[in-house]
Amino acid sequence: MIRSELLQKLASDNPELRAQEVEQVVDIFFDEIAQRLAEGGRVELRGFGAFSTREREARTGRNPRTGEAVDVPAKRVPYFKPGKEMRNALNGD
């Protein structure tokens, strides 16, 4: 599902809301998750899963085109851990 499909689904399930209002709700939702992660926090949505960040150490990578060694700096990357209900739904339990 892409963002536009999500907006259409939410708009059809909530006909009392205008399309702009649905889009604003989705924007706020994703912006708040991103802001919390940027602050080093964690976002837990019960029944769905938890978003957090993990540290990746600096390493030496390779340019796939030239094969030359490239220094990759340390960074934080987003991480998602699915909740129990989601895992059960995916595995048919």
N, C-alpha and C. Protein backbone atom coordinates (compact mmCIF):
# COMPACT_ATOMS: atom_id res chain seq x y z
N MET A 1 0.85 -1.18 0.00
CA MET A 1 0.00 0.00 0.00
C MET A 1 0.89 1.23 0.00
N ILE A 2 0.56 2.17 -0.84
CA ILE A 2 1.30 3.42 -0.88
C ILE A 2 0.47 4.51 -0.19
N ARG A 3 1.10 5.64 0.04
CA ARG A 3 0.47 6.73 0.81
C ARG A 3 -0.88 7.15 0.22
N SER A 4 -0.95 7.30 -1.10
CA SER A 4 -2.20 7.74 -1.72
C SER A 4 -3.32 6.71 -1.51
N GLU A 5 -2.97 5.42 -1.51
CA GLU A 5 -3.98 4.38 -1.26
C GLU A 5 -4.46 4.44 0.18
N LEU A 6 -3.55 4.71 1.10
CA LEU A 6 -3.92 4.87 2.50
C LEU A 6 -4.88 6.04 2.67
N LEU A 7 -4.56 7.16 2.03
CA LEU A 7 -5.43 8.34 2.11
C LEU A 7 -6.82 8.04 1.55
N GLN A 8 -6.89 7.35 0.43
CA GLN A 8 -8.18 7.00 -0.18
C GLN A 8 -8.98 6.09 0.74
N LYS A 9 -8.33 5.10 1.34
CA LYS A 9 -9.01 4.16 2.24
C LYS A 9 -9.55 4.89 3.47
N LEU A 10 -8.74 5.76 4.06
CA LEU A 10 -9.19 6.52 5.23
C LEU A 10 -10.34 7.46 4.87
N ALA A 11 -10.26 8.08 3.70
CA ALA A 11 -11.32 9.00 3.27
C ALA A 11 -12.63 8.24 3.03
N SER A 12 -12.54 7.05 2.44
CA SER A 12 -13.78 6.28 2.19
C SER A 12 -14.37 5.74 3.49
N ASP A 13 -13.52 5.41 4.47
CA ASP A 13 -14.01 4.93 5.77
C ASP A 13 -14.53 6.05 6.66
N ASN A 14 -14.18 7.29 6.34
CA ASN A 14 -14.59 8.46 7.14
C ASN A 14 -15.16 9.54 6.23
N PRO A 15 -16.36 9.32 5.67
CA PRO A 15 -16.92 10.29 4.72
C PRO A 15 -17.21 11.66 5.32
N GLU A 16 -17.27 11.74 6.65
CA GLU A 16 -17.53 13.04 7.29
C GLU A 16 -16.32 13.96 7.26
N LEU A 17 -15.14 13.40 6.92
CA LEU A 17 -13.92 14.20 6.83
C LEU A 17 -13.61 14.56 5.38
N ARG A 18 -13.16 15.79 5.17
CA ARG A 18 -12.72 16.19 3.83
C ARG A 18 -11.37 15.55 3.53
N ALA A 19 -11.03 15.44 2.26
CA ALA A 19 -9.76 14.82 1.85
C ALA A 19 -8.57 15.56 2.47
N GLN A 20 -8.66 16.89 2.56
CA GLN A 20 -7.57 17.67 3.15
C GLN A 20 -7.39 17.34 4.63
N GLU A 21 -8.49 17.09 5.33
CA GLU A 21 -8.41 16.75 6.75
C GLU A 21 -7.77 15.37 6.94
N VAL A 22 -8.14 14.43 6.10
CA VAL A 22 -7.55 13.08 6.17
C VAL A 22 -6.05 13.17 5.92
N GLU A 23 -5.66 13.94 4.90
CA GLU A 23 -4.25 14.09 4.58
C GLU A 23 -3.49 14.75 5.73
N GLN A 24 -4.12 15.71 6.38
CA GLN A 24 -3.48 16.39 7.50
C GLN A 24 -3.28 15.43 8.67
N VAL A 25 -4.25 14.57 8.94
CA VAL A 25 -4.12 13.59 10.02
C VAL A 25 -2.96 12.63 9.73
N VAL A 26 -2.88 12.14 8.50
CA VAL A 26 -1.80 11.22 8.13
C VAL A 26 -0.45 11.92 8.24
N ASP A 27 -0.36 13.15 7.77
CA ASP A 27 0.89 13.91 7.86
C ASP A 27 1.34 14.08 9.31
N ILE A 28 0.41 14.44 10.17
CA ILE A 28 0.73 14.63 11.59
C ILE A 28 1.19 13.32 12.20
N PHE A 29 0.50 12.23 11.89
CA PHE A 29 0.85 10.91 12.41
C PHE A 29 2.29 10.54 12.07
N PHE A 30 2.64 10.63 10.79
CA PHE A 30 3.98 10.25 10.36
C PHE A 30 5.03 11.25 10.85
N ASP A 31 4.70 12.53 10.87
CA ASP A 31 5.64 13.54 11.36
C ASP A 31 5.97 13.33 12.84
N GLU A 32 4.98 12.97 13.63
CA GLU A 32 5.21 12.74 15.06
C GLU A 32 6.09 11.52 15.29
N ILE A 33 5.88 10.46 14.51
CA ILE A 33 6.73 9.28 14.63
C ILE A 33 8.17 9.64 14.27
N ALA A 34 8.35 10.34 13.15
CA ALA A 34 9.69 10.72 12.70
C ALA A 34 10.36 11.65 13.71
N GLN A 35 9.61 12.59 14.26
CA GLN A 35 10.19 13.53 15.24
C GLN A 35 10.65 12.80 16.50
N ARG A 36 9.83 11.88 16.98
CA ARG A 36 10.19 11.14 18.19
C ARG A 36 11.45 10.29 17.96
N LEU A 37 11.53 9.65 16.79
CA LEU A 37 12.71 8.85 16.47
C LEU A 37 13.95 9.72 16.33
N ALA A 38 13.79 10.91 15.74
CA ALA A 38 14.92 11.83 15.58
C ALA A 38 15.44 12.28 16.94
N GLU A 39 14.56 12.34 17.93
CA GLU A 39 14.96 12.73 19.28
C GLU A 39 15.58 11.56 20.04
N GLY A 40 15.63 10.40 19.41
CA GLY A 40 16.18 9.22 20.07
C GLY A 40 15.16 8.42 20.85
N GLY A 41 13.89 8.76 20.68
CA GLY A 41 12.83 8.07 21.41
C GLY A 41 12.35 6.81 20.72
N ARG A 42 11.26 6.30 21.24
CA ARG A 42 10.65 5.06 20.75
C ARG A 42 9.16 5.30 20.61
N VAL A 43 8.55 4.71 19.59
CA VAL A 43 7.11 4.83 19.38
C VAL A 43 6.52 3.43 19.38
N GLU A 44 5.61 3.18 20.31
CA GLU A 44 4.98 1.86 20.41
C GLU A 44 3.50 1.98 20.11
N LEU A 45 3.04 1.20 19.13
CA LEU A 45 1.63 1.15 18.77
C LEU A 45 1.13 -0.25 19.14
N ARG A 46 0.41 -0.36 20.23
CA ARG A 46 -0.04 -1.65 20.74
C ARG A 46 -0.80 -2.42 19.66
N GLY A 47 -0.47 -3.69 19.52
CA GLY A 47 -1.10 -4.54 18.53
C GLY A 47 -0.48 -4.43 17.15
N PHE A 48 0.36 -3.44 16.94
CA PHE A 48 1.00 -3.24 15.64
C PHE A 48 2.49 -3.49 15.73
N GLY A 49 3.17 -2.70 16.56
CA GLY A 49 4.61 -2.87 16.71
C GLY A 49 5.25 -1.63 17.31
N ALA A 50 6.57 -1.65 17.32
CA ALA A 50 7.33 -0.55 17.92
C ALA A 50 8.41 -0.07 16.96
N PHE A 51 8.52 1.25 16.86
CA PHE A 51 9.56 1.89 16.06
C PHE A 51 10.63 2.40 17.01
N SER A 52 11.87 2.18 16.65
CA SER A 52 12.99 2.72 17.43
C SER A 52 14.15 2.94 16.46
N THR A 53 15.29 3.34 17.02
CA THR A 53 16.47 3.51 16.17
C THR A 53 17.58 2.63 16.71
N ARG A 54 18.48 2.27 15.83
CA ARG A 54 19.66 1.50 16.21
C ARG A 54 20.88 2.20 15.66
N GLU A 55 21.98 2.03 16.39
CA GLU A 55 23.24 2.64 15.98
C GLU A 55 23.98 1.68 15.05
N ARG A 56 24.50 2.22 13.96
CA ARG A 56 25.38 1.46 13.08
C ARG A 56 26.76 2.08 13.18
N GLU A 57 27.75 1.25 13.38
CA GLU A 57 29.11 1.74 13.52
C GLU A 57 29.70 2.09 12.15
N ALA A 58 30.73 2.92 12.18
CA ALA A 58 31.43 3.27 10.94
C ALA A 58 32.07 2.01 10.38
N ARG A 59 32.15 1.94 9.06
CA ARG A 59 32.72 0.77 8.42
C ARG A 59 33.31 1.16 7.07
N THR A 60 34.01 0.23 6.48
CA THR A 60 34.52 0.44 5.14
C THR A 60 33.65 -0.36 4.18
N GLY A 61 33.04 0.33 3.21
CA GLY A 61 32.20 -0.31 2.22
C GLY A 61 32.90 -0.31 0.87
N ARG A 62 32.19 -0.77 -0.13
CA ARG A 62 32.72 -0.80 -1.49
C ARG A 62 31.76 -0.13 -2.44
N ASN A 63 32.31 0.67 -3.34
CA ASN A 63 31.51 1.26 -4.41
C ASN A 63 31.20 0.12 -5.39
N PRO A 64 29.91 -0.21 -5.59
CA PRO A 64 29.60 -1.36 -6.44
C PRO A 64 29.99 -1.16 -7.91
N ARG A 65 30.06 0.07 -8.32
CA ARG A 65 30.40 0.35 -9.73
C ARG A 65 31.89 0.21 -9.99
N THR A 66 32.70 0.76 -9.07
CA THR A 66 34.15 0.77 -9.30
C THR A 66 34.90 -0.25 -8.45
N GLY A 67 34.27 -0.73 -7.37
CA GLY A 67 34.94 -1.67 -6.49
C GLY A 67 35.88 -1.01 -5.51
N GLU A 68 35.99 0.31 -5.55
CA GLU A 68 36.92 1.02 -4.68
C GLU A 68 36.35 1.12 -3.26
N ALA A 69 37.23 1.09 -2.25
CA ALA A 69 36.83 1.17 -0.85
C ALA A 69 36.30 2.57 -0.53
N VAL A 70 35.22 2.62 0.26
CA VAL A 70 34.59 3.87 0.64
C VAL A 70 34.33 3.83 2.15
N ASP A 71 34.68 4.91 2.85
CA ASP A 71 34.39 4.99 4.28
C ASP A 71 32.93 5.35 4.47
N VAL A 72 32.21 4.52 5.24
CA VAL A 72 30.80 4.78 5.56
C VAL A 72 30.76 5.22 7.01
N PRO A 73 30.25 6.45 7.29
CA PRO A 73 30.26 6.96 8.67
C PRO A 73 29.24 6.23 9.56
N ALA A 74 29.42 6.36 10.88
CA ALA A 74 28.46 5.83 11.84
C ALA A 74 27.15 6.60 11.67
N LYS A 75 26.04 5.90 11.93
CA LYS A 75 24.74 6.57 11.79
C LYS A 75 23.68 5.82 12.58
N ARG A 76 22.56 6.49 12.79
CA ARG A 76 21.38 5.88 13.40
C ARG A 76 20.42 5.52 12.28
N VAL A 77 19.82 4.34 12.39
CA VAL A 77 18.87 3.89 11.37
C VAL A 77 17.57 3.49 12.06
N PRO A 78 16.42 3.67 11.38
CA PRO A 78 15.15 3.27 11.98
C PRO A 78 15.04 1.75 12.04
N TYR A 79 14.32 1.27 13.05
CA TYR A 79 14.12 -0.15 13.24
C TYR A 79 12.67 -0.37 13.65
N PHE A 80 12.06 -1.41 13.11
CA PHE A 80 10.67 -1.73 13.44
C PHE A 80 10.60 -3.15 13.97
N LYS A 81 9.95 -3.31 15.11
CA LYS A 81 9.74 -4.64 15.67
C LYS A 81 8.23 -4.88 15.71
N PRO A 82 7.74 -5.85 14.93
CA PRO A 82 6.29 -6.09 14.91
C PRO A 82 5.79 -6.60 16.26
N GLY A 83 4.54 -6.25 16.56
CA GLY A 83 3.92 -6.72 17.80
C GLY A 83 3.44 -8.16 17.67
N LYS A 84 3.08 -8.73 18.78
CA LYS A 84 2.65 -10.13 18.82
C LYS A 84 1.44 -10.37 17.91
N GLU A 85 0.46 -9.48 17.96
CA GLU A 85 -0.74 -9.64 17.14
C GLU A 85 -0.41 -9.63 15.65
N MET A 86 0.52 -8.75 15.24
CA MET A 86 0.89 -8.68 13.84
C MET A 86 1.63 -9.95 13.42
N ARG A 87 2.55 -10.41 14.25
CA ARG A 87 3.27 -11.65 13.93
C ARG A 87 2.31 -12.82 13.78
N ASN A 88 1.33 -12.90 14.68
CA ASN A 88 0.34 -13.97 14.60
C ASN A 88 -0.50 -13.87 13.34
N ALA A 89 -0.89 -12.66 12.96
CA ALA A 89 -1.68 -12.47 11.74
C ALA A 89 -0.89 -12.86 10.50
N LEU A 90 0.39 -12.53 10.48
CA LEU A 90 1.23 -12.84 9.33
C LEU A 90 1.49 -14.33 9.21
N ASN A 91 1.57 -15.02 10.33
CA ASN A 91 1.89 -16.43 10.32
C ASN A 91 0.67 -17.35 10.44
N GLY A 92 -0.52 -16.75 10.43
CA GLY A 92 -1.74 -17.54 10.47
C GLY A 92 -2.00 -18.26 11.77
N ASP A 93 -1.45 -17.74 12.86
CA ASP A 93 -1.65 -18.39 14.17
C ASP A 93 -2.94 -17.92 14.82
